[in-house]
Amino acid sequence: MPKVSSVIVPYASYLRVYEPLAAFPQPERGHWERYARRGDRPSYQDELRRSLTDLVSTPPVAVPVHESRDAFVVEVDGVVCVCPWRTRLRGWQALDELESGGRLPPAVLDAVVPPVVRRENADDYERWRAANPDARPWIRSATWQVPLVWFVLVADEEREHRPPGARPEGVAGAEAPASLVRYRTPMVEARRRVARGLKTLRTAWGEGPFIDGLTEVGRWLEEFHPRSWVELDYGGLVHTVPAEELAADRSAADVAEGLEALGRGDGVVAGEAYGRLAERWRKVRDRQFAS
């Protein structure tokens, strides 16, 4: 199984929101201002490594005892934006989804996260939610896929692809950085694309799970500062998809083409675009069952 930095990579993709420092109240804003100036900020792999360390402990730590004070940081046009990890909140939500989603047989679920651990965390989460009713995560994740509704938020020209072994400009060191596929777009563009996509889909379909998913993502985006940035990151999926397939992947362009075709009533072209998407991501999901 592929490894990066001696850590087995979970095959998950991520949707992140980076908010400007002005979006945070004091004293949290002061913390992120100081944090952004640090030269030793943890990386994406560091977050991954910490979460895996918790899961393989005995008993497993499904949810951290304390909330993380780490974040991902980007600077765009001189504006510093941060994406707090909020690993405790995301851990609770992931555990709730794992139990309610029926993705694992009960015996497997009990072996991975024992019932007593799940009950304790459910009680903790209920108490925490009562005290923090407006809390929301800055990061969403999906295993063995990129949800197709996420591609509505971005455009093909915003795609960044770094093949295996390639080194971004200005990066030195013996260890080559990992492969990467991601998109980054201004929040105002992401919201505009969601609104336009929903209008097109409702006119063409009326209702359906894709519309429901896009509506839910759109509501989540509305909770953030309008000068935020949205990032779609293939994450660990780049380590299971062949390099030539990653290079040829134009999922955002396919989604845009399909929506445009629906808007002009061209069901044939829309169906062809959807067919390419469905087949591409079916192959990715099928790899989780490969030996």
Foldseek 3Di string as FASTA:
>chain_A
DDDDPPHDFFQKWKKFKWAFLVQDDPPLSVLVVVVVPDPDADDPVVVVVVQVVQQPDVVHDLADPDFDSGWDWDADPNTITTFGPRRRVVSLVVLVCVVPVPPDDPVVNCVRQNPVNNVVSVVVVVVVCVVVVPDDHRMDMDGLFDPLLVLLQFALVQWDWDFAQRAPPPDDDDDRDGTWIKGKDQLVSSLVSLVLLLVLCCVQPVDDPSSVVSVVVNVVSVVGDNRMMMMIISGNLSVVDDRVCVVVDRSSHLVVQLSVCSNVPNPVSNVVSVVVVVVSSVVSNVVVPPD
